[in-house]
C-alpha cells in the first residue's frame, strides 16, 4: 500500500453492518493497515452500543480487530488545537476537525470517510469515500 491511510469511524463501523459489500470493502481496506485515533475507538464503542445495540463482547471484538490491524494514535493537545483550527477554516464539525488533525499529524496521505466531502484535500491528506464506486 503506497498511501498511508487514516480511517474515519464510519468505515470501521461497516465491519459490523448488514451491507455485505460494504463489510467486504471496509475489511479489505483495514486489513491493509493504517491509522486510527483513540477518538475513533471511542466513537465506535458509543455508536455500537447506543445506536446499533451491540453487546459489550461484540464491541470489544471489533475494537480488538481495529487495534490489531491499525496503529492507534492518541488525541493530544496538539491534535485538539489543530482540529479546532481545521474545523473553523473548513467548516467541519469539531469531531471531523479532530479526525483530520489526527490524520495530518500522522502523515497520512488518504483519509477514508463516507461522511465528508469526497476529494477534499487538506495539506497532503486527500479524503476518499471508498464506497462511491458502489453507486
C-alpha atoms as a PDB file:
ATOM      1  CA  UNK A   1       0.000   0.000   0.000  1.00  0.00           C
ATOM      2  CA  UNK A   2       1.692   3.194  -1.162  1.00  0.00           C
ATOM      3  CA  UNK A   3      -0.660   5.613   0.610  1.00  0.00           C
ATOM      4  CA  UNK A   4      -0.684   5.823   4.376  1.00  0.00           C
ATOM      5  CA  UNK A   5      -4.362   5.603   5.284  1.00  0.00           C
ATOM      6  CA  UNK A   6      -6.385   7.030   8.131  1.00  0.00           C
ATOM      7  CA  UNK A   7      -9.841   5.573   8.792  1.00  0.00           C
ATOM      8  CA  UNK A   8     -12.867   7.531   9.919  1.00  0.00           C
ATOM      9  CA  UNK A   9     -15.270   5.852  12.329  1.00  0.00           C
ATOM     10  CA  UNK A  10     -17.945   5.225   9.692  1.00  0.00           C
ATOM     11  CA  UNK A  11     -15.600   2.993   7.681  1.00  0.00           C
ATOM     12  CA  UNK A  12     -14.783   0.953  10.783  1.00  0.00           C
ATOM     13  CA  UNK A  13     -18.450   0.565  11.692  1.00  0.00           C
ATOM     14  CA  UNK A  14     -19.204  -1.007   8.323  1.00  0.00           C
ATOM     15  CA  UNK A  15     -17.356  -4.062   9.620  1.00  0.00           C
ATOM     16  CA  UNK A  16     -20.448  -4.842  11.693  1.00  0.00           C
ATOM     17  CA  UNK A  17     -23.124  -3.718   9.255  1.00  0.00           C
ATOM     18  CA  UNK A  18     -25.624  -5.815   7.334  1.00  0.00           C
ATOM     19  CA  UNK A  19     -24.379  -4.465   3.991  1.00  0.00           C
ATOM     20  CA  UNK A  20     -22.114  -7.286   2.829  1.00  0.00           C
ATOM     21  CA  UNK A  21     -20.488  -5.263   0.020  1.00  0.00           C
ATOM     22  CA  UNK A  22     -19.510  -2.525   2.458  1.00  0.00           C
ATOM     23  CA  UNK A  23     -18.368  -5.044   5.059  1.00  0.00           C
ATOM     24  CA  UNK A  24     -16.026  -6.562   2.477  1.00  0.00           C
ATOM     25  CA  UNK A  25     -14.733  -3.175   1.302  1.00  0.00           C
ATOM     26  CA  UNK A  26     -14.104  -1.920   4.851  1.00  0.00           C
ATOM     27  CA  UNK A  27     -12.414  -5.158   5.860  1.00  0.00           C
ATOM     28  CA  UNK A  28     -10.239  -5.168   2.752  1.00  0.00           C
ATOM     29  CA  UNK A  29      -9.055  -1.614   3.414  1.00  0.00           C
ATOM     30  CA  UNK A  30      -8.466  -2.105   7.119  1.00  0.00           C
ATOM     31  CA  UNK A  31      -6.516  -5.314   6.562  1.00  0.00           C
ATOM     32  CA  UNK A  32      -4.026  -3.276   4.540  1.00  0.00           C
ATOM     33  CA  UNK A  33      -3.260  -1.369   7.728  1.00  0.00           C
ATOM     34  CA  UNK A  34      -3.463   2.273   8.546  1.00  0.00           C
ATOM     35  CA  UNK A  35      -4.068   4.652  11.394  1.00  0.00           C
ATOM     36  CA  UNK A  36      -6.987   5.397  13.700  1.00  0.00           C
ATOM     37  CA  UNK A  37      -7.322   7.717  16.645  1.00  0.00           C
ATOM     38  CA  UNK A  38      -8.465   6.910  20.153  1.00  0.00           C
ATOM     39  CA  UNK A  39     -11.393   9.157  19.209  1.00  0.00           C
ATOM     40  CA  UNK A  40     -12.380   6.593  16.536  1.00  0.00           C
ATOM     41  CA  UNK A  41     -12.291   3.771  19.060  1.00  0.00           C
ATOM     42  CA  UNK A  42     -14.473   5.747  21.480  1.00  0.00           C
ATOM     43  CA  UNK A  43     -16.946   6.675  18.742  1.00  0.00           C
ATOM     44  CA  UNK A  44     -17.130   3.039  17.588  1.00  0.00           C
ATOM     45  CA  UNK A  45     -17.865   1.848  21.111  1.00  0.00           C
ATOM     46  CA  UNK A  46     -20.513   4.518  21.687  1.00  0.00           C
ATOM     47  CA  UNK A  47     -22.320   4.077  18.361  1.00  0.00           C
ATOM     48  CA  UNK A  48     -22.119   0.285  18.521  1.00  0.00           C
ATOM     49  CA  UNK A  49     -23.696   0.265  21.959  1.00  0.00           C
ATOM     50  CA  UNK A  50     -26.225   3.090  21.742  1.00  0.00           C
ATOM     51  CA  UNK A  51     -27.318   3.066  18.100  1.00  0.00           C
ATOM     52  CA  UNK A  52     -26.554  -0.449  16.895  1.00  0.00           C
ATOM     53  CA  UNK A  53     -27.431  -2.330  20.079  1.00  0.00           C
ATOM     54  CA  UNK A  54     -24.280  -4.450  20.048  1.00  0.00           C
ATOM     55  CA  UNK A  55     -23.137  -6.355  23.115  1.00  0.00           C
ATOM     56  CA  UNK A  56     -20.027  -5.417  25.045  1.00  0.00           C
ATOM     57  CA  UNK A  57     -18.361  -8.591  23.768  1.00  0.00           C
ATOM     58  CA  UNK A  58     -19.089  -7.638  20.136  1.00  0.00           C
ATOM     59  CA  UNK A  59     -17.737  -4.147  20.771  1.00  0.00           C
ATOM     60  CA  UNK A  60     -14.578  -5.500  22.388  1.00  0.00           C
ATOM     61  CA  UNK A  61     -14.062  -7.876  19.438  1.00  0.00           C
ATOM     62  CA  UNK A  62     -14.486  -5.038  16.930  1.00  0.00           C
ATOM     63  CA  UNK A  63     -12.079  -2.756  18.786  1.00  0.00           C
ATOM     64  CA  UNK A  64      -9.531  -5.535  19.248  1.00  0.00           C
ATOM     65  CA  UNK A  65      -9.557  -6.187  15.489  1.00  0.00           C
ATOM     66  CA  UNK A  66      -9.077  -2.492  14.709  1.00  0.00           C
ATOM     67  CA  UNK A  67      -6.251  -2.156  17.243  1.00  0.00           C
ATOM     68  CA  UNK A  68      -4.618  -5.252  15.754  1.00  0.00           C
ATOM     69  CA  UNK A  69      -4.561  -4.070  12.134  1.00  0.00           C
ATOM     70  CA  UNK A  70      -4.133  -0.317  12.673  1.00  0.00           C
ATOM     71  CA  UNK A  71      -1.803   1.980  14.526  1.00  0.00           C
ATOM     72  CA  UNK A  72      -3.728   3.855  17.204  1.00  0.00           C
ATOM     73  CA  UNK A  73      -2.735   7.459  17.879  1.00  0.00           C
ATOM     74  CA  UNK A  74      -3.740   9.490  20.937  1.00  0.00           C
ATOM     75  CA  UNK A  75      -5.771  12.662  20.951  1.00  0.00           C
ATOM     76  CA  UNK A  76      -3.169  15.126  22.143  1.00  0.00           C
ATOM     77  CA  UNK A  77      -3.368  18.815  22.891  1.00  0.00           C
ATOM     78  CA  UNK A  78      -1.718  19.391  19.505  1.00  0.00           C
ATOM     79  CA  UNK A  79      -4.431  17.293  17.828  1.00  0.00           C
ATOM     80  CA  UNK A  80      -7.100  19.253  19.686  1.00  0.00           C
ATOM     81  CA  UNK A  81      -5.695  22.668  18.759  1.00  0.00           C
ATOM     82  CA  UNK A  82      -5.102  21.730  15.111  1.00  0.00           C
ATOM     83  CA  UNK A  83      -8.555  20.121  14.927  1.00  0.00           C
ATOM     84  CA  UNK A  84     -10.268  23.282  16.128  1.00  0.00           C
ATOM     85  CA  UNK A  85      -8.397  25.370  13.552  1.00  0.00           C
ATOM     86  CA  UNK A  86      -9.328  22.938  10.775  1.00  0.00           C
ATOM     87  CA  UNK A  87     -12.973  22.812  11.874  1.00  0.00           C
ATOM     88  CA  UNK A  88     -13.186  26.598  11.740  1.00  0.00           C
ATOM     89  CA  UNK A  89     -11.303  27.028   8.477  1.00  0.00           C
ATOM     90  CA  UNK A  90     -13.051  24.235   6.537  1.00  0.00           C
ATOM     91  CA  UNK A  91     -16.436  24.476   8.275  1.00  0.00           C
ATOM     92  CA  UNK A  92     -16.182  20.967   9.682  1.00  0.00           C
ATOM     93  CA  UNK A  93     -17.744  19.632  12.837  1.00  0.00           C
ATOM     94  CA  UNK A  94     -15.381  19.706  15.797  1.00  0.00           C
ATOM     95  CA  UNK A  95     -15.154  15.905  15.693  1.00  0.00           C
ATOM     96  CA  UNK A  96     -14.353  15.858  11.974  1.00  0.00           C
ATOM     97  CA  UNK A  97     -11.721  18.527  12.582  1.00  0.00           C
ATOM     98  CA  UNK A  98     -10.117  16.219  15.149  1.00  0.00           C
ATOM     99  CA  UNK A  99     -10.118  13.323  12.670  1.00  0.00           C
ATOM    100  CA  UNK A 100      -8.452  15.499  10.033  1.00  0.00           C
ATOM    101  CA  UNK A 101      -5.893  16.748  12.550  1.00  0.00           C
ATOM    102  CA  UNK A 102      -5.039  13.200  13.649  1.00  0.00           C
ATOM    103  CA  UNK A 103      -4.671  12.120  10.005  1.00  0.00           C
ATOM    104  CA  UNK A 104      -2.455  15.082   9.130  1.00  0.00           C
ATOM    105  CA  UNK A 105      -0.302  14.763  12.247  1.00  0.00           C
ATOM    106  CA  UNK A 106       0.118  11.042  11.445  1.00  0.00           C
ATOM    107  CA  UNK A 107       1.378  11.936   7.942  1.00  0.00           C
ATOM    108  CA  UNK A 108      -1.460  10.067   6.260  1.00  0.00           C
ATOM    109  CA  UNK A 109      -1.967  10.789   2.574  1.00  0.00           C
ATOM    110  CA  UNK A 110      -5.532   9.481   2.440  1.00  0.00           C
ATOM    111  CA  UNK A 111      -8.436   9.783   4.843  1.00  0.00           C
ATOM    112  CA  UNK A 112     -11.142   7.204   4.201  1.00  0.00           C
ATOM    113  CA  UNK A 113     -14.566   8.538   5.162  1.00  0.00           C
ATOM    114  CA  UNK A 114     -18.115   8.438   3.941  1.00  0.00           C
ATOM    115  CA  UNK A 115     -19.229  11.487   5.905  1.00  0.00           C
ATOM    116  CA  UNK A 116     -17.208  14.331   4.443  1.00  0.00           C
ATOM    117  CA  UNK A 117     -16.604  15.857   1.025  1.00  0.00           C
ATOM    118  CA  UNK A 118     -15.017  13.321  -1.332  1.00  0.00           C
ATOM    119  CA  UNK A 119     -11.910  14.812  -2.908  1.00  0.00           C
ATOM    120  CA  UNK A 120     -11.313  17.442  -0.228  1.00  0.00           C
ATOM    121  CA  UNK A 121      -7.586  17.887   0.284  1.00  0.00           C
ATOM    122  CA  UNK A 122      -6.148  19.463   3.389  1.00  0.00           C
ATOM    123  CA  UNK A 123      -2.374  19.658   3.435  1.00  0.00           C
ATOM    124  CA  UNK A 124      -1.082  16.394   1.964  1.00  0.00           C
ATOM    125  CA  UNK A 125      -4.173  14.427   3.019  1.00  0.00           C
ATOM    126  CA  UNK A 126      -6.912  13.615   0.498  1.00  0.00           C
ATOM    127  CA  UNK A 127     -10.379  12.497   1.575  1.00  0.00           C
ATOM    128  CA  UNK A 128     -11.621   9.467  -0.299  1.00  0.00           C
ATOM    129  CA  UNK A 129     -15.067   7.907   0.059  1.00  0.00           C
ATOM    130  CA  UNK A 130     -14.289   4.218  -0.586  1.00  0.00           C
ATOM    131  CA  UNK A 131     -17.952   3.372  -1.128  1.00  0.00           C
ATOM    132  CA  UNK A 132     -18.649   5.732  -4.052  1.00  0.00           C
ATOM    133  CA  UNK A 133     -17.757   3.086  -6.623  1.00  0.00           C
ATOM    134  CA  UNK A 134     -20.734   1.015  -5.464  1.00  0.00           C
ATOM    135  CA  UNK A 135     -23.339   3.541  -6.657  1.00  0.00           C
END
